[in-house]
């Protein structure tokens, strides 16, 4: 994780269920870190995983909107060709 102490920051107010805050507090206490440090790590991990997938989906949809996609038939034909080539390589030579 990057060192965020030198990055500009913004104050955010967020309502969370009490049990979730308690979980963050337990982890922060166990790690001898501030709650905000634990929450920041959790948010970064989310953005690197599920958040990245959502961002990729958004970009893919934007590419389609710009007409940058290929017709399904073309993709399917390309996939069939790749499979046929792989099958030829697997066949033992006589």
PDB file of N, CA and C in Angstrom:
ATOM      1  N   UNK A   1       0.843  -1.179   0.000  1.00  0.00           N
ATOM      2  CA  UNK A   1       0.000   0.000   0.000  1.00  0.00           C
ATOM      3  C   UNK A   1       0.889   1.244   0.000  1.00  0.00           C
ATOM      4  N   UNK A   2       0.471   2.263  -0.757  1.00  0.00           N
ATOM      5  CA  UNK A   2       1.281   3.477  -0.781  1.00  0.00           C
ATOM      6  C   UNK A   2       1.219   4.224   0.550  1.00  0.00           C
ATOM      7  N   UNK A   3       2.249   5.035   0.780  1.00  0.00           N
ATOM      8  CA  UNK A   3       2.263   5.889   1.966  1.00  0.00           C
ATOM      9  C   UNK A   3       1.394   7.102   1.656  1.00  0.00           C
ATOM     10  N   UNK A   4       0.243   7.179   2.310  1.00  0.00           N
ATOM     11  CA  UNK A   4      -0.721   8.238   2.013  1.00  0.00           C
ATOM     12  C   UNK A   4      -0.459   9.516   2.803  1.00  0.00           C
ATOM     13  N   UNK A   5       0.523   9.512   3.662  1.00  0.00           N
ATOM     14  CA  UNK A   5       0.736  10.675   4.523  1.00  0.00           C
ATOM     15  C   UNK A   5       1.157  11.910   3.738  1.00  0.00           C
ATOM     16  N   UNK A   6       1.683  11.734   2.559  1.00  0.00           N
ATOM     17  CA  UNK A   6       2.141  12.874   1.757  1.00  0.00           C
ATOM     18  C   UNK A   6       1.147  13.274   0.678  1.00  0.00           C
ATOM     19  N   UNK A   7       0.109  12.515   0.513  1.00  0.00           N
ATOM     20  CA  UNK A   7      -0.881  12.812  -0.515  1.00  0.00           C
ATOM     21  C   UNK A   7      -1.915  13.801   0.005  1.00  0.00           C
ATOM     22  N   UNK A   8      -2.436  14.651  -0.901  1.00  0.00           N
ATOM     23  CA  UNK A   8      -3.526  15.531  -0.456  1.00  0.00           C
ATOM     24  C   UNK A   8      -4.722  14.690  -0.025  1.00  0.00           C
ATOM     25  N   UNK A   9      -5.436  15.157   0.968  1.00  0.00           N
ATOM     26  CA  UNK A   9      -6.582  14.385   1.452  1.00  0.00           C
ATOM     27  C   UNK A   9      -7.816  15.266   1.537  1.00  0.00           C
ATOM     28  N   UNK A  10      -8.956  14.611   1.587  1.00  0.00           N
ATOM     29  CA  UNK A  10     -10.251  15.268   1.689  1.00  0.00           C
ATOM     30  C   UNK A  10     -11.013  14.633   2.836  1.00  0.00           C
ATOM     31  N   UNK A  11     -11.654  15.453   3.622  1.00  0.00           N
ATOM     32  CA  UNK A  11     -12.469  14.945   4.718  1.00  0.00           C
ATOM     33  C   UNK A  11     -13.783  14.427   4.149  1.00  0.00           C
ATOM     34  N   UNK A  12     -14.188  13.239   4.592  1.00  0.00           N
ATOM     35  CA  UNK A  12     -15.431  12.621   4.140  1.00  0.00           C
ATOM     36  C   UNK A  12     -16.221  12.178   5.358  1.00  0.00           C
ATOM     37  N   UNK A  13     -17.514  12.472   5.350  1.00  0.00           N
ATOM     38  CA  UNK A  13     -18.395  12.001   6.410  1.00  0.00           C
ATOM     39  C   UNK A  13     -19.182  10.829   5.860  1.00  0.00           C
ATOM     40  N   UNK A  14     -19.235   9.756   6.634  1.00  0.00           N
ATOM     41  CA  UNK A  14     -19.855   8.532   6.159  1.00  0.00           C
ATOM     42  C   UNK A  14     -20.616   7.869   7.296  1.00  0.00           C
ATOM     43  N   UNK A  15     -21.860   7.488   7.036  1.00  0.00           N
ATOM     44  CA  UNK A  15     -22.632   6.749   8.029  1.00  0.00           C
ATOM     45  C   UNK A  15     -22.442   5.259   7.770  1.00  0.00           C
ATOM     46  N   UNK A  16     -22.063   4.537   8.818  1.00  0.00           N
ATOM     47  CA  UNK A  16     -21.848   3.097   8.723  1.00  0.00           C
ATOM     48  C   UNK A  16     -22.599   2.391   9.834  1.00  0.00           C
ATOM     49  N   UNK A  17     -22.972   1.140   9.613  1.00  0.00           N
ATOM     50  CA  UNK A  17     -23.577   0.368  10.700  1.00  0.00           C
ATOM     51  C   UNK A  17     -22.576   0.238  11.859  1.00  0.00           C
ATOM     52  N   UNK A  18     -23.074   0.284  13.074  1.00  0.00           N
ATOM     53  CA  UNK A  18     -22.221   0.241  14.261  1.00  0.00           C
ATOM     54  C   UNK A  18     -21.355  -1.010  14.306  1.00  0.00           C
ATOM     55  N   UNK A  19     -21.911  -2.148  13.879  1.00  0.00           N
ATOM     56  CA  UNK A  19     -21.120  -3.381  13.929  1.00  0.00           C
ATOM     57  C   UNK A  19     -19.921  -3.330  12.989  1.00  0.00           C
ATOM     58  N   UNK A  20     -20.064  -2.640  11.882  1.00  0.00           N
ATOM     59  CA  UNK A  20     -18.954  -2.498  10.944  1.00  0.00           C
ATOM     60  C   UNK A  20     -17.849  -1.622  11.544  1.00  0.00           C
ATOM     61  N   UNK A  21     -18.253  -0.537  12.170  1.00  0.00           N
ATOM     62  CA  UNK A  21     -17.281   0.340  12.829  1.00  0.00           C
ATOM     63  C   UNK A  21     -16.562  -0.413  13.944  1.00  0.00           C
ATOM     64  N   UNK A  22     -17.297  -1.237  14.683  1.00  0.00           N
ATOM     65  CA  UNK A  22     -16.680  -2.030  15.747  1.00  0.00           C
ATOM     66  C   UNK A  22     -15.629  -2.988  15.182  1.00  0.00           C
ATOM     67  N   UNK A  23     -15.908  -3.570  14.042  1.00  0.00           N
ATOM     68  CA  UNK A  23     -14.938  -4.462  13.414  1.00  0.00           C
ATOM     69  C   UNK A  23     -13.674  -3.695  13.016  1.00  0.00           C
ATOM     70  N   UNK A  24     -13.862  -2.508  12.439  1.00  0.00           N
ATOM     71  CA  UNK A  24     -12.704  -1.682  12.097  1.00  0.00           C
ATOM     72  C   UNK A  24     -11.912  -1.315  13.347  1.00  0.00           C
ATOM     73  N   UNK A  25     -12.630  -0.978  14.398  1.00  0.00           N
ATOM     74  CA  UNK A  25     -11.956  -0.617  15.663  1.00  0.00           C
ATOM     75  C   UNK A  25     -11.145  -1.786  16.231  1.00  0.00           C
ATOM     76  N   UNK A  26     -11.705  -2.996  16.178  1.00  0.00           N
ATOM     77  CA  UNK A  26     -10.985  -4.170  16.684  1.00  0.00           C
ATOM     78  C   UNK A  26      -9.704  -4.401  15.892  1.00  0.00           C
ATOM     79  N   UNK A  27      -9.791  -4.289  14.594  1.00  0.00           N
ATOM     80  CA  UNK A  27      -8.618  -4.489  13.752  1.00  0.00           C
ATOM     81  C   UNK A  27      -7.590  -3.397  14.016  1.00  0.00           C
ATOM     82  N   UNK A  28      -8.058  -2.161  14.108  1.00  0.00           N
ATOM     83  CA  UNK A  28      -7.146  -1.037  14.354  1.00  0.00           C
ATOM     84  C   UNK A  28      -6.425  -1.202  15.690  1.00  0.00           C
ATOM     85  N   UNK A  29      -7.152  -1.625  16.710  1.00  0.00           N
ATOM     86  CA  UNK A  29      -6.539  -1.835  18.027  1.00  0.00           C
ATOM     87  C   UNK A  29      -5.509  -2.950  17.953  1.00  0.00           C
ATOM     88  N   UNK A  30      -5.849  -4.034  17.307  1.00  0.00           N
ATOM     89  CA  UNK A  30      -4.929  -5.170  17.201  1.00  0.00           C
ATOM     90  C   UNK A  30      -3.657  -4.801  16.442  1.00  0.00           C
ATOM     91  N   UNK A  31      -3.786  -3.896  15.476  1.00  0.00           N
ATOM     92  CA  UNK A  31      -2.635  -3.510  14.666  1.00  0.00           C
ATOM     93  C   UNK A  31      -1.948  -2.248  15.184  1.00  0.00           C
ATOM     94  N   UNK A  32      -2.502  -1.678  16.255  1.00  0.00           N
ATOM     95  CA  UNK A  32      -1.975  -0.433  16.817  1.00  0.00           C
ATOM     96  C   UNK A  32      -1.918   0.662  15.737  1.00  0.00           C
ATOM     97  N   UNK A  33      -3.019   0.775  15.023  1.00  0.00           N
ATOM     98  CA  UNK A  33      -3.156   1.765  13.955  1.00  0.00           C
ATOM     99  C   UNK A  33      -4.448   2.536  14.157  1.00  0.00           C
ATOM    100  N   UNK A  34      -4.566   3.716  13.555  1.00  0.00           N
ATOM    101  CA  UNK A  34      -5.841   4.444  13.627  1.00  0.00           C
ATOM    102  C   UNK A  34      -6.921   3.740  12.790  1.00  0.00           C
ATOM    103  N   UNK A  35      -8.155   3.918  13.200  1.00  0.00           N
ATOM    104  CA  UNK A  35      -9.281   3.345  12.456  1.00  0.00           C
ATOM    105  C   UNK A  35      -9.251   3.798  10.997  1.00  0.00           C
ATOM    106  N   UNK A  36      -8.947   5.068  10.765  1.00  0.00           N
ATOM    107  CA  UNK A  36      -8.935   5.586   9.387  1.00  0.00           C
ATOM    108  C   UNK A  36      -7.907   4.863   8.523  1.00  0.00           C
ATOM    109  N   UNK A  37      -6.782   4.446   9.111  1.00  0.00           N
ATOM    110  CA  UNK A  37      -5.761   3.708   8.365  1.00  0.00           C
ATOM    111  C   UNK A  37      -6.322   2.367   7.889  1.00  0.00           C
ATOM    112  N   UNK A  38      -7.030   1.676   8.782  1.00  0.00           N
ATOM    113  CA  UNK A  38      -7.630   0.386   8.435  1.00  0.00           C
ATOM    114  C   UNK A  38      -8.707   0.579   7.368  1.00  0.00           C
ATOM    115  N   UNK A  39      -9.528   1.594   7.532  1.00  0.00           N
ATOM    116  CA  UNK A  39     -10.597   1.848   6.563  1.00  0.00           C
ATOM    117  C   UNK A  39     -10.019   2.205   5.195  1.00  0.00           C
ATOM    118  N   UNK A  40      -8.957   2.979   5.193  1.00  0.00           N
ATOM    119  CA  UNK A  40      -8.315   3.358   3.927  1.00  0.00           C
ATOM    120  C   UNK A  40      -7.790   2.121   3.208  1.00  0.00           C
ATOM    121  N   UNK A  41      -7.167   1.213   3.947  1.00  0.00           N
ATOM    122  CA  UNK A  41      -6.680  -0.032   3.341  1.00  0.00           C
ATOM    123  C   UNK A  41      -7.837  -0.847   2.764  1.00  0.00           C
ATOM    124  N   UNK A  42      -8.928  -0.918   3.499  1.00  0.00           N
ATOM    125  CA  UNK A  42     -10.091  -1.675   3.025  1.00  0.00           C
ATOM    126  C   UNK A  42     -10.648  -1.058   1.744  1.00  0.00           C
ATOM    127  N   UNK A  43     -10.732   0.258   1.699  1.00  0.00           N
ATOM    128  CA  UNK A  43     -11.233   0.930   0.501  1.00  0.00           C
ATOM    129  C   UNK A  43     -10.302   0.711  -0.684  1.00  0.00           C
ATOM    130  N   UNK A  44      -9.003   0.806  -0.449  1.00  0.00           N
ATOM    131  CA  UNK A  44      -8.039   0.578  -1.537  1.00  0.00           C
ATOM    132  C   UNK A  44      -8.140  -0.854  -2.072  1.00  0.00           C
ATOM    133  N   UNK A  45      -8.271  -1.824  -1.183  1.00  0.00           N
ATOM    134  CA  UNK A  45      -8.395  -3.211  -1.624  1.00  0.00           C
ATOM    135  C   UNK A  45      -9.674  -3.409  -2.435  1.00  0.00           C
ATOM    136  N   UNK A  46     -10.747  -2.764  -2.026  1.00  0.00           N
ATOM    137  CA  UNK A  46     -11.992  -2.846  -2.788  1.00  0.00           C
ATOM    138  C   UNK A  46     -11.789  -2.269  -4.188  1.00  0.00           C
ATOM    139  N   UNK A  47     -11.171  -1.094  -4.255  1.00  0.00           N
ATOM    140  CA  UNK A  47     -10.967  -0.442  -5.549  1.00  0.00           C
ATOM    141  C   UNK A  47     -10.049  -1.244  -6.463  1.00  0.00           C
ATOM    142  N   UNK A  48      -9.089  -1.954  -5.885  1.00  0.00           N
ATOM    143  CA  UNK A  48      -8.182  -2.771  -6.683  1.00  0.00           C
ATOM    144  C   UNK A  48      -8.844  -4.049  -7.178  1.00  0.00           C
ATOM    145  N   UNK A  49      -9.891  -4.498  -6.520  1.00  0.00           N
ATOM    146  CA  UNK A  49     -10.553  -5.754  -6.891  1.00  0.00           C
ATOM    147  C   UNK A  49     -11.871  -5.446  -7.611  1.00  0.00           C
ATOM    148  N   UNK A  50     -12.950  -5.423  -6.869  1.00  0.00           N
ATOM    149  CA  UNK A  50     -14.277  -5.221  -7.461  1.00  0.00           C
ATOM    150  C   UNK A  50     -14.383  -3.870  -8.164  1.00  0.00           C
ATOM    151  N   UNK A  51     -13.821  -2.848  -7.566  1.00  0.00           N
ATOM    152  CA  UNK A  51     -13.860  -1.524  -8.185  1.00  0.00           C
ATOM    153  C   UNK A  51     -13.173  -1.499  -9.537  1.00  0.00           C
ATOM    154  N   UNK A  52     -12.060  -2.228  -9.661  1.00  0.00           N
ATOM    155  CA  UNK A  52     -11.339  -2.290 -10.934  1.00  0.00           C
ATOM    156  C   UNK A  52     -12.176  -3.003 -11.994  1.00  0.00           C
ATOM    157  N   UNK A  53     -12.897  -4.041 -11.585  1.00  0.00           N
ATOM    158  CA  UNK A  53     -13.771  -4.747 -12.526  1.00  0.00           C
ATOM    159  C   UNK A  53     -14.880  -3.823 -13.026  1.00  0.00           C
ATOM    160  N   UNK A  54     -15.449  -3.035 -12.138  1.00  0.00           N
ATOM    161  CA  UNK A  54     -16.505  -2.099 -12.529  1.00  0.00           C
ATOM    162  C   UNK A  54     -15.949  -1.053 -13.480  1.00  0.00           C
ATOM    163  N   UNK A  55     -14.766  -0.523 -13.178  1.00  0.00           N
ATOM    164  CA  UNK A  55     -14.139   0.469 -14.050  1.00  0.00           C
ATOM    165  C   UNK A  55     -13.867  -0.123 -15.438  1.00  0.00           C
ATOM    166  N   UNK A  56     -13.439  -1.385 -15.466  1.00  0.00           N
ATOM    167  CA  UNK A  56     -13.193  -2.059 -16.742  1.00  0.00           C
ATOM    168  C   UNK A  56     -14.494  -2.219 -17.527  1.00  0.00           C
ATOM    169  N   UNK A  57     -15.567  -2.583 -16.829  1.00  0.00           N
ATOM    170  CA  UNK A  57     -16.874  -2.708 -17.485  1.00  0.00           C
ATOM    171  C   UNK A  57     -17.327  -1.372 -18.059  1.00  0.00           C
ATOM    172  N   UNK A  58     -17.115  -0.303 -17.311  1.00  0.00           N
ATOM    173  CA  UNK A  58     -17.498   1.033 -17.787  1.00  0.00           C
ATOM    174  C   UNK A  58     -16.740   1.365 -19.059  1.00  0.00           C
ATOM    175  N   UNK A  59     -15.437   1.096 -19.075  1.00  0.00           N
ATOM    176  CA  UNK A  59     -14.621   1.373 -20.262  1.00  0.00           C
ATOM    177  C   UNK A  59     -15.049   0.504 -21.436  1.00  0.00           C
ATOM    178  N   UNK A  60     -15.369  -0.765 -21.174  1.00  0.00           N
ATOM    179  CA  UNK A  60     -15.823  -1.649 -22.247  1.00  0.00           C
ATOM    180  C   UNK A  60     -17.118  -1.140 -22.870  1.00  0.00           C
ATOM    181  N   UNK A  61     -18.046  -0.691 -22.042  1.00  0.00           N
ATOM    182  CA  UNK A  61     -19.300  -0.141 -22.553  1.00  0.00           C
ATOM    183  C   UNK A  61     -19.050   1.136 -23.355  1.00  0.00           C
ATOM    184  N   UNK A  62     -18.120   1.962 -22.892  1.00  0.00           N
ATOM    185  CA  UNK A  62     -17.782   3.187 -23.628  1.00  0.00           C
ATOM    186  C   UNK A  62     -17.188   2.838 -24.991  1.00  0.00           C
ATOM    187  N   UNK A  63     -16.359   1.791 -25.056  1.00  0.00           N
ATOM    188  CA  UNK A  63     -15.792   1.368 -26.334  1.00  0.00           C
ATOM    189  C   UNK A  63     -16.896   0.921 -27.288  1.00  0.00           C
ATOM    190  N   UNK A  64     -17.861   0.179 -26.761  1.00  0.00           N
ATOM    191  CA  UNK A  64     -18.988  -0.240 -27.600  1.00  0.00           C
ATOM    192  C   UNK A  64     -19.786   0.961 -28.085  1.00  0.00           C
ATOM    193  N   UNK A  65     -20.010   1.924 -27.199  1.00  0.00           N
ATOM    194  CA  UNK A  65     -20.745   3.134 -27.589  1.00  0.00           C
ATOM    195  C   UNK A  65     -20.022   3.899 -28.692  1.00  0.00           C
ATOM    196  N   UNK A  66     -18.672   3.827 -28.683  1.00  0.00           N
ATOM    197  CA  UNK A  66     -17.879   4.502 -29.715  1.00  0.00           C
ATOM    198  C   UNK A  66     -17.771   3.668 -30.989  1.00  0.00           C
ATOM    199  N   UNK A  67     -18.397   2.495 -31.003  1.00  0.00           N
ATOM    200  CA  UNK A  67     -18.353   1.639 -32.180  1.00  0.00           C
ATOM    201  C   UNK A  67     -17.060   0.864 -32.318  1.00  0.00           C
ATOM    202  N   UNK A  68     -16.346   0.653 -31.226  1.00  0.00           N
ATOM    203  CA  UNK A  68     -15.055  -0.015 -31.276  1.00  0.00           C
ATOM    204  C   UNK A  68     -15.156  -1.526 -31.071  1.00  0.00           C
ATOM    205  N   UNK A  69     -16.348  -2.038 -30.965  1.00  0.00           N
ATOM    206  CA  UNK A  69     -16.519  -3.469 -30.735  1.00  0.00           C
ATOM    207  C   UNK A  69     -16.518  -4.247 -32.036  1.00  0.00           C
ATOM    208  N   UNK A  70     -16.467  -5.577 -31.911  1.00  0.00           N
ATOM    209  CA  UNK A  70     -16.546  -6.467 -33.061  1.00  0.00           C
ATOM    210  C   UNK A  70     -17.865  -7.222 -32.971  1.00  0.00           C
ATOM    211  N   UNK A  71     -18.451  -7.567 -34.114  1.00  0.00           N
ATOM    212  CA  UNK A  71     -19.672  -8.375 -34.083  1.00  0.00           C
ATOM    213  C   UNK A  71     -19.403  -9.741 -33.450  1.00  0.00           C
ATOM    214  N   UNK A  72     -20.405 -10.283 -32.784  1.00  0.00           N
ATOM    215  CA  UNK A  72     -20.270 -11.582 -32.122  1.00  0.00           C
ATOM    216  C   UNK A  72     -19.815 -12.651 -33.104  1.00  0.00           C
ATOM    217  N   UNK A  73     -20.348 -12.630 -34.311  1.00  0.00           N
ATOM    218  CA  UNK A  73     -20.008 -13.640 -35.302  1.00  0.00           C
ATOM    219  C   UNK A  73     -18.512 -13.648 -35.603  1.00  0.00           C
ATOM    220  N   UNK A  74     -17.919 -12.462 -35.659  1.00  0.00           N
ATOM    221  CA  UNK A  74     -16.480 -12.349 -35.924  1.00  0.00           C
ATOM    222  C   UNK A  74     -15.680 -12.946 -34.770  1.00  0.00           C
ATOM    223  N   UNK A  75     -16.049 -12.607 -33.560  1.00  0.00           N
ATOM    224  CA  UNK A  75     -15.356 -13.132 -32.380  1.00  0.00           C
ATOM    225  C   UNK A  75     -15.499 -14.647 -32.322  1.00  0.00           C
ATOM    226  N   UNK A  76     -16.704 -15.142 -32.593  1.00  0.00           N
ATOM    227  CA  UNK A  76     -16.950 -16.579 -32.545  1.00  0.00           C
ATOM    228  C   UNK A  76     -16.110 -17.300 -33.589  1.00  0.00           C
ATOM    229  N   UNK A  77     -16.036 -16.761 -34.801  1.00  0.00           N
ATOM    230  CA  UNK A  77     -15.228 -17.368 -35.866  1.00  0.00           C
ATOM    231  C   UNK A  77     -13.748 -17.381 -35.487  1.00  0.00           C
ATOM    232  N   UNK A  78     -13.263 -16.302 -34.891  1.00  0.00           N
ATOM    233  CA  UNK A  78     -11.872 -16.247 -34.451  1.00  0.00           C
ATOM    234  C   UNK A  78     -11.607 -17.299 -33.372  1.00  0.00           C
ATOM    235  N   UNK A  79     -12.538 -17.468 -32.453  1.00  0.00           N
ATOM    236  CA  UNK A  79     -12.385 -18.467 -31.394  1.00  0.00           C
ATOM    237  C   UNK A  79     -12.366 -19.877 -31.973  1.00  0.00           C
ATOM    238  N   UNK A  80     -13.248 -20.141 -32.933  1.00  0.00           N
ATOM    239  CA  UNK A  80     -13.267 -21.457 -33.574  1.00  0.00           C
ATOM    240  C   UNK A  80     -11.940 -21.748 -34.266  1.00  0.00           C
ATOM    241  N   UNK A  81     -11.372 -20.751 -34.916  1.00  0.00           N
ATOM    242  CA  UNK A  81     -10.099 -20.914 -35.610  1.00  0.00           C
ATOM    243  C   UNK A  81      -8.977 -21.231 -34.613  1.00  0.00           C
ATOM    244  N   UNK A  82      -8.954 -20.549 -33.493  1.00  0.00           N
ATOM    245  CA  UNK A  82      -7.951 -20.802 -32.459  1.00  0.00           C
ATOM    246  C   UNK A  82      -8.084 -22.227 -31.932  1.00  0.00           C
ATOM    247  N   UNK A  83      -9.306 -22.674 -31.717  1.00  0.00           N
ATOM    248  CA  UNK A  83      -9.548 -24.035 -31.218  1.00  0.00           C
ATOM    249  C   UNK A  83      -9.081 -25.062 -32.245  1.00  0.00           C
ATOM    250  N   UNK A  84      -9.395 -24.847 -33.521  1.00  0.00           N
ATOM    251  CA  UNK A  84      -8.975 -25.782 -34.571  1.00  0.00           C
ATOM    252  C   UNK A  84      -7.456 -25.879 -34.636  1.00  0.00           C
ATOM    253  N   UNK A  85      -6.776 -24.756 -34.534  1.00  0.00           N
ATOM    254  CA  UNK A  85      -5.311 -24.765 -34.572  1.00  0.00           C
ATOM    255  C   UNK A  85      -4.743 -25.519 -33.374  1.00  0.00           C
ATOM    256  N   UNK A  86      -5.332 -25.315 -32.206  1.00  0.00           N
ATOM    257  CA  UNK A  86      -4.870 -26.017 -31.007  1.00  0.00           C
ATOM    258  C   UNK A  86      -5.104 -27.508 -31.131  1.00  0.00           C
ATOM    259  N   UNK A  87      -6.229 -27.905 -31.693  1.00  0.00           N
ATOM    260  CA  UNK A  87      -6.523 -29.329 -31.867  1.00  0.00           C
ATOM    261  C   UNK A  87      -5.546 -29.975 -32.830  1.00  0.00           C
ATOM    262  N   UNK A  88      -5.154 -29.259 -33.888  1.00  0.00           N
ATOM    263  CA  UNK A  88      -4.179 -29.788 -34.846  1.00  0.00           C
ATOM    264  C   UNK A  88      -2.840 -30.026 -34.166  1.00  0.00           C
ATOM    265  N   UNK A  89      -2.444 -29.138 -33.269  1.00  0.00           N
ATOM    266  CA  UNK A  89      -1.169 -29.276 -32.565  1.00  0.00           C
ATOM    267  C   UNK A  89      -1.187 -30.449 -31.605  1.00  0.00           C
ATOM    268  N   UNK A  90      -2.356 -30.793 -31.068  1.00  0.00           N
ATOM    269  CA  UNK A  90      -2.464 -31.873 -30.086  1.00  0.00           C
ATOM    270  C   UNK A  90      -2.471 -33.245 -30.738  1.00  0.00           C
ATOM    271  N   UNK A  91      -2.885 -33.338 -31.995  1.00  0.00           N
ATOM    272  CA  UNK A  91      -2.977 -34.639 -32.670  1.00  0.00           C
ATOM    273  C   UNK A  91      -1.600 -35.230 -32.884  1.00  0.00           C
ATOM    274  N   UNK A  92      -1.454 -36.518 -32.545  1.00  0.00           N
ATOM    275  CA  UNK A  92      -0.146 -37.147 -32.775  1.00  0.00           C
ATOM    276  C   UNK A  92       0.102 -37.327 -34.277  1.00  0.00           C
ATOM    277  N   UNK A  93       1.322 -37.145 -34.676  1.00  0.00           N
ATOM    278  CA  UNK A  93       1.671 -37.319 -36.094  1.00  0.00           C
ATOM    279  C   UNK A  93       1.866 -38.790 -36.394  1.00  0.00           C
ATOM    280  N   UNK A  94       1.458 -39.164 -37.564  1.00  0.00           N
ATOM    281  CA  UNK A  94       1.554 -40.591 -37.974  1.00  0.00           C
ATOM    282  C   UNK A  94       2.742 -40.814 -38.846  1.00  0.00           C
TER     283      UNK A  94
END
